[in-house]
C-alpha cells in the first residue's frame, strides 16, 4: 500500500512538471462551481456535449471550406472571362 502511494505521488509530481496549468489551477480542484468540481460533474454528459460540439465544429469547417472553394472557382471563371475579352 505504501509503495502504491509513493508510485502515485511520483506520477502526480511528473504530471505537475509536464503540465504547468496543473500547478496554477490546483487550488480549484474539488471546489464547488468550478470545472474541477468532480462530485457534481457528469463525465457521460460532458462526453456527449463534447461529441456534439466536435460534430458541429466539423460541419462548420466543411461549410467554410466549401464556401472558400466556390469563391475561388468563381474568381477563376471571372478571370478567364475577362482574359477572353482582352485577347
N, C-alpha and C. Protein backbone atom coordinates (compact mmCIF):
# COMPACT_ATOMS: atom_id res chain seq x y z
N UNK A 1 0.82 -1.19 0.00
CA UNK A 1 0.00 0.00 0.00
C UNK A 1 0.86 1.25 0.00
N UNK A 2 1.88 1.26 0.82
CA UNK A 2 2.77 2.42 0.90
C UNK A 2 3.52 2.61 -0.42
N UNK A 3 3.88 1.50 -1.05
CA UNK A 3 4.60 1.56 -2.32
C UNK A 3 3.68 2.16 -3.41
N UNK A 4 2.40 1.78 -3.39
CA UNK A 4 1.44 2.32 -4.35
C UNK A 4 1.29 3.82 -4.16
N UNK A 5 1.26 4.26 -2.91
CA UNK A 5 1.10 5.68 -2.61
C UNK A 5 2.31 6.46 -3.11
N UNK A 6 3.50 5.92 -2.92
CA UNK A 6 4.72 6.59 -3.41
C UNK A 6 4.71 6.65 -4.93
N UNK A 7 4.27 5.55 -5.55
CA UNK A 7 4.21 5.50 -7.02
C UNK A 7 3.22 6.54 -7.54
N UNK A 8 2.07 6.64 -6.88
CA UNK A 8 1.07 7.64 -7.28
C UNK A 8 1.60 9.06 -7.08
N UNK A 9 2.28 9.29 -5.98
CA UNK A 9 2.85 10.61 -5.71
C UNK A 9 3.88 10.99 -6.77
N UNK A 10 4.68 10.03 -7.18
CA UNK A 10 5.68 10.29 -8.23
C UNK A 10 4.98 10.63 -9.55
N UNK A 11 3.91 9.91 -9.85
CA UNK A 11 3.18 10.18 -11.10
C UNK A 11 2.56 11.57 -11.08
N UNK A 12 2.02 11.95 -9.93
CA UNK A 12 1.44 13.29 -9.80
C UNK A 12 2.52 14.36 -9.97
N UNK A 13 3.66 14.15 -9.34
CA UNK A 13 4.77 15.11 -9.47
C UNK A 13 5.21 15.25 -10.93
N UNK A 14 5.27 14.14 -11.64
CA UNK A 14 5.66 14.19 -13.05
C UNK A 14 4.62 14.94 -13.88
N UNK A 15 3.34 14.72 -13.57
CA UNK A 15 2.29 15.44 -14.29
C UNK A 15 2.38 16.93 -14.04
N UNK A 16 2.65 17.31 -12.79
CA UNK A 16 2.78 18.74 -12.45
C UNK A 16 3.96 19.36 -13.19
N UNK A 17 5.04 18.62 -13.30
CA UNK A 17 6.21 19.13 -14.05
C UNK A 17 5.91 19.26 -15.53
N UNK A 18 5.19 18.29 -16.06
CA UNK A 18 4.91 18.26 -17.50
C UNK A 18 3.87 19.29 -17.92
N UNK A 19 2.87 19.53 -17.06
CA UNK A 19 1.76 20.41 -17.41
C UNK A 19 1.68 21.57 -16.42
N UNK A 20 2.13 22.72 -16.83
CA UNK A 20 2.20 23.90 -15.95
C UNK A 20 0.83 24.34 -15.44
N UNK A 21 -0.21 24.10 -16.21
CA UNK A 21 -1.54 24.54 -15.80
C UNK A 21 -2.01 23.85 -14.51
N UNK A 22 -1.50 22.65 -14.23
CA UNK A 22 -1.94 21.93 -13.03
C UNK A 22 -1.59 22.72 -11.78
N UNK A 23 -0.37 23.21 -11.71
CA UNK A 23 0.06 23.96 -10.53
C UNK A 23 -0.74 25.24 -10.36
N UNK A 24 -1.05 25.90 -11.47
CA UNK A 24 -1.76 27.18 -11.37
C UNK A 24 -3.25 27.01 -11.06
N UNK A 25 -3.82 25.85 -11.36
CA UNK A 25 -5.25 25.63 -11.14
C UNK A 25 -5.53 24.64 -10.01
N UNK A 26 -4.49 24.15 -9.39
CA UNK A 26 -4.62 23.11 -8.36
C UNK A 26 -5.56 23.53 -7.22
N UNK A 27 -5.55 24.80 -6.86
CA UNK A 27 -6.39 25.27 -5.75
C UNK A 27 -7.87 25.15 -6.08
N UNK A 28 -8.23 24.97 -7.35
CA UNK A 28 -9.63 24.85 -7.76
C UNK A 28 -10.13 23.40 -7.75
N UNK A 29 -9.23 22.44 -7.66
CA UNK A 29 -9.61 21.03 -7.71
C UNK A 29 -10.56 20.69 -6.57
N UNK A 30 -11.71 20.14 -6.93
CA UNK A 30 -12.69 19.71 -5.94
C UNK A 30 -13.58 20.82 -5.39
N UNK A 31 -13.34 22.05 -5.81
CA UNK A 31 -14.16 23.18 -5.31
C UNK A 31 -15.47 23.24 -6.06
N UNK A 32 -16.54 23.49 -5.32
CA UNK A 32 -17.87 23.59 -5.90
C UNK A 32 -17.96 24.76 -6.88
N UNK A 33 -18.61 24.51 -8.01
CA UNK A 33 -18.84 25.56 -9.00
C UNK A 33 -17.70 25.76 -9.98
N UNK A 34 -16.62 25.00 -9.86
CA UNK A 34 -15.50 25.13 -10.80
C UNK A 34 -15.55 23.97 -11.81
N UNK A 35 -14.72 24.05 -12.81
CA UNK A 35 -14.61 22.95 -13.77
C UNK A 35 -14.04 21.69 -13.13
N UNK A 36 -13.49 21.84 -11.96
CA UNK A 36 -12.86 20.71 -11.26
C UNK A 36 -13.71 20.22 -10.09
N UNK A 37 -15.00 20.53 -10.11
CA UNK A 37 -15.95 20.06 -9.10
C UNK A 37 -16.34 18.64 -9.50
N UNK A 38 -15.53 17.69 -9.11
CA UNK A 38 -15.67 16.31 -9.59
C UNK A 38 -16.92 15.61 -9.05
N UNK A 39 -17.49 16.11 -7.97
CA UNK A 39 -18.68 15.47 -7.41
C UNK A 39 -19.94 15.84 -8.19
N UNK A 40 -20.00 17.05 -8.71
CA UNK A 40 -21.23 17.49 -9.38
C UNK A 40 -21.16 17.33 -10.90
N UNK A 41 -19.99 17.10 -11.45
CA UNK A 41 -19.87 16.96 -12.90
C UNK A 41 -20.20 15.53 -13.32
N UNK A 42 -20.83 15.39 -14.48
CA UNK A 42 -21.21 14.10 -15.00
C UNK A 42 -20.35 13.82 -16.24
N UNK A 43 -19.38 12.92 -16.14
CA UNK A 43 -18.49 12.64 -17.27
C UNK A 43 -19.22 12.18 -18.53
N UNK A 44 -20.27 11.39 -18.37
CA UNK A 44 -21.03 10.90 -19.54
C UNK A 44 -21.69 12.06 -20.28
N UNK A 45 -22.29 12.97 -19.51
CA UNK A 45 -22.94 14.13 -20.11
C UNK A 45 -21.91 15.04 -20.77
N UNK A 46 -20.76 15.21 -20.12
CA UNK A 46 -19.70 16.05 -20.68
C UNK A 46 -19.19 15.45 -21.99
N UNK A 47 -19.08 14.13 -22.05
CA UNK A 47 -18.63 13.46 -23.28
C UNK A 47 -19.65 13.66 -24.40
N UNK A 48 -20.92 13.55 -24.08
CA UNK A 48 -21.97 13.79 -25.07
C UNK A 48 -21.88 15.22 -25.62
N UNK A 49 -21.70 16.17 -24.71
CA UNK A 49 -21.60 17.58 -25.11
C UNK A 49 -20.37 17.80 -25.99
N UNK A 50 -19.24 17.17 -25.60
CA UNK A 50 -18.02 17.28 -26.40
C UNK A 50 -18.23 16.72 -27.80
N UNK A 51 -18.83 15.54 -27.89
CA UNK A 51 -19.09 14.93 -29.20
C UNK A 51 -19.98 15.82 -30.06
N UNK A 52 -21.01 16.39 -29.44
CA UNK A 52 -21.93 17.28 -30.16
C UNK A 52 -21.19 18.51 -30.69
N UNK A 53 -20.38 19.12 -29.84
CA UNK A 53 -19.65 20.32 -30.25
C UNK A 53 -18.60 20.01 -31.33
N UNK A 54 -17.96 18.85 -31.22
CA UNK A 54 -16.98 18.48 -32.25
C UNK A 54 -17.65 18.24 -33.59
N UNK A 55 -18.82 17.62 -33.58
CA UNK A 55 -19.57 17.40 -34.83
C UNK A 55 -19.99 18.73 -35.43
N UNK A 56 -20.44 19.64 -34.57
CA UNK A 56 -20.83 20.98 -35.01
C UNK A 56 -19.64 21.71 -35.64
N UNK A 57 -18.50 21.63 -34.97
CA UNK A 57 -17.29 22.29 -35.46
C UNK A 57 -16.86 21.71 -36.80
N UNK A 58 -16.94 20.40 -36.91
CA UNK A 58 -16.57 19.74 -38.15
C UNK A 58 -17.48 20.19 -39.29
N UNK A 59 -18.77 20.31 -39.02
CA UNK A 59 -19.72 20.79 -40.02
C UNK A 59 -19.42 22.21 -40.45
N UNK A 60 -19.06 23.06 -39.49
CA UNK A 60 -18.72 24.45 -39.81
C UNK A 60 -17.47 24.51 -40.68
N UNK A 61 -16.48 23.68 -40.35
CA UNK A 61 -15.25 23.67 -41.13
C UNK A 61 -15.53 23.23 -42.57
N UNK A 62 -16.39 22.23 -42.73
CA UNK A 62 -16.74 21.74 -44.07
C UNK A 62 -17.46 22.82 -44.85
N UNK A 63 -18.39 23.51 -44.21
CA UNK A 63 -19.13 24.59 -44.89
C UNK A 63 -18.19 25.73 -45.28
N UNK A 64 -17.28 26.08 -44.40
CA UNK A 64 -16.33 27.16 -44.68
C UNK A 64 -15.44 26.78 -45.85
N UNK A 65 -14.95 25.53 -45.86
CA UNK A 65 -14.09 25.07 -46.94
C UNK A 65 -14.84 25.09 -48.26
N UNK A 66 -16.08 24.60 -48.26
CA UNK A 66 -16.88 24.58 -49.49
C UNK A 66 -17.13 25.99 -49.99
N UNK A 67 -17.42 26.91 -49.10
CA UNK A 67 -17.64 28.30 -49.47
C UNK A 67 -16.38 28.91 -50.07
N UNK A 68 -15.23 28.60 -49.48
CA UNK A 68 -13.96 29.11 -49.99
C UNK A 68 -13.69 28.57 -51.40
N UNK A 69 -13.95 27.28 -51.61
CA UNK A 69 -13.75 26.67 -52.93
C UNK A 69 -14.67 27.33 -53.95
N UNK A 70 -15.93 27.56 -53.59
CA UNK A 70 -16.87 28.20 -54.51
C UNK A 70 -16.41 29.61 -54.89
N UNK A 71 -15.92 30.35 -53.91
CA UNK A 71 -15.42 31.71 -54.16
C UNK A 71 -14.22 31.66 -55.10
N UNK A 72 -13.32 30.72 -54.86
CA UNK A 72 -12.13 30.58 -55.70
C UNK A 72 -12.51 30.20 -57.13
N UNK A 73 -13.43 29.27 -57.29
CA UNK A 73 -13.88 28.86 -58.62
C UNK A 73 -14.51 30.05 -59.34
N UNK A 74 -15.33 30.81 -58.65
CA UNK A 74 -15.96 31.99 -59.25
C UNK A 74 -14.91 32.99 -59.70
N UNK A 75 -13.90 33.22 -58.89
CA UNK A 75 -12.84 34.17 -59.25
C UNK A 75 -12.07 33.69 -60.47
N UNK A 76 -11.78 32.41 -60.53
CA UNK A 76 -11.05 31.86 -61.69
C UNK A 76 -11.89 31.98 -62.95
N UNK A 77 -13.16 31.66 -62.87
CA UNK A 77 -14.05 31.75 -64.03
C UNK A 77 -14.14 33.20 -64.51
N UNK A 78 -14.30 34.14 -63.59
CA UNK A 78 -14.36 35.55 -63.97
C UNK A 78 -13.06 36.01 -64.62
N UNK A 79 -11.93 35.56 -64.09
CA UNK A 79 -10.64 35.91 -64.67
C UNK A 79 -10.54 35.37 -66.10
N UNK A 80 -10.99 34.13 -66.30
CA UNK A 80 -10.93 33.53 -67.64
C UNK A 80 -11.84 34.30 -68.60
N UNK A 81 -12.98 34.72 -68.14
CA UNK A 81 -13.91 35.50 -68.99
C UNK A 81 -13.29 36.82 -69.36
N UNK A 82 -12.70 37.50 -68.38
CA UNK A 82 -12.06 38.79 -68.65
C UNK A 82 -10.88 38.64 -69.61
N UNK A 83 -10.10 37.58 -69.42
CA UNK A 83 -8.96 37.35 -70.31
C UNK A 83 -9.41 37.04 -71.74
N UNK A 84 -10.57 36.42 -71.89
CA UNK A 84 -11.06 36.10 -73.23
C UNK A 84 -11.47 37.37 -73.96
N UNK A 85 -11.91 38.41 -73.23
CA UNK A 85 -12.26 39.68 -73.85
C UNK A 85 -11.01 40.46 -74.25
N UNK A 86 -9.96 40.32 -73.48
CA UNK A 86 -8.72 41.07 -73.75
C UNK A 86 -8.00 40.48 -74.96
N UNK A 87 -8.06 39.19 -75.13
CA UNK A 87 -7.33 38.52 -76.21
C UNK A 87 -7.87 38.80 -77.56
